[in-house]
Every structure is written in C-alpha cells, then in structure tokens.
C-alpha cells in the first residue's frame, strides 16, 4: 500500500477528518487508499501551532492536551485520495478552518480526501519523501 509522511499535527488531523484536503506543491495521480505516516520531525514552531486555534480545539476534542502526546515516526491511519486539483479550481466555499489548516496559495495542489481510518495503535515506521510503498515484508525487515 502507498504511504506519505506528513508532519504533526497535520497527520493526525487528516486521519481524524478535521482536514478535507492535504495541500502540496506537487500533484499526485494516486487514487485510493493512502497510509498516513507521522514524521519524526516536530519543530518548536509546530508544537506552538498546536496551542493556537483552530489546532488547539481540534486536538483537545480528541483528547490531546499537549503536543507531546501526538505520535511521531508512526503510521497513524489511512485516507482515500479521491481527487487532486489545482487550488485555483477550488471553490471560494472553503471554510475558514480548512484554509487555516492548509496552504492554499498559488501553484499548490489540493488532494481531496475521504473515507478516513484511524489506527487504534500507531505502527512504528520509518518515513520517506514523496509517496512510498509499505508492505508487510518491509515492516518485518524494518
């Protein structure tokens, strides 16, 4: 199955369904199930972001009181990639919250996501750049 590494808190917000889109500087032709891997880097700026709205409320609603509670270096769930569109094609109907959770600037791509699944226990995994393949064989070797 294909996977992508995403920094926290965005990785968790994606699998919870708090974000409808993942925004990237590159488009994907991948459609279907995609594992979400929470990366190993968690900068001070990202930790501070967790304490600001709308991040704080979204995390608190799921029982995350402190940024340190977010899993790192682990596959936290999966989503279904439904479509990938230029952000210019998105309607002006994007909510203020959705805009705050992504980078919808010019030249960006919005991956429309659905059918989220949260893993009860994050699965430790080494991330990679771009999309990467995850197999049970690679898990056993890792």
Foldseek 3Di string as FASTA:
>chain_A
DKEAEDEPPLLVCVLVVVAQWAKDLDWDPDFFKYWYAHAADQDPVNQVVCVDPPNVVVCVVVPPNGPVPDDHQFGFWMWTFHDKAQLVPDDPPDDPRNCVSYPSDHSMIIGGIHDHDTDPDTGHHHHDHDMDDDDVVVSVVD
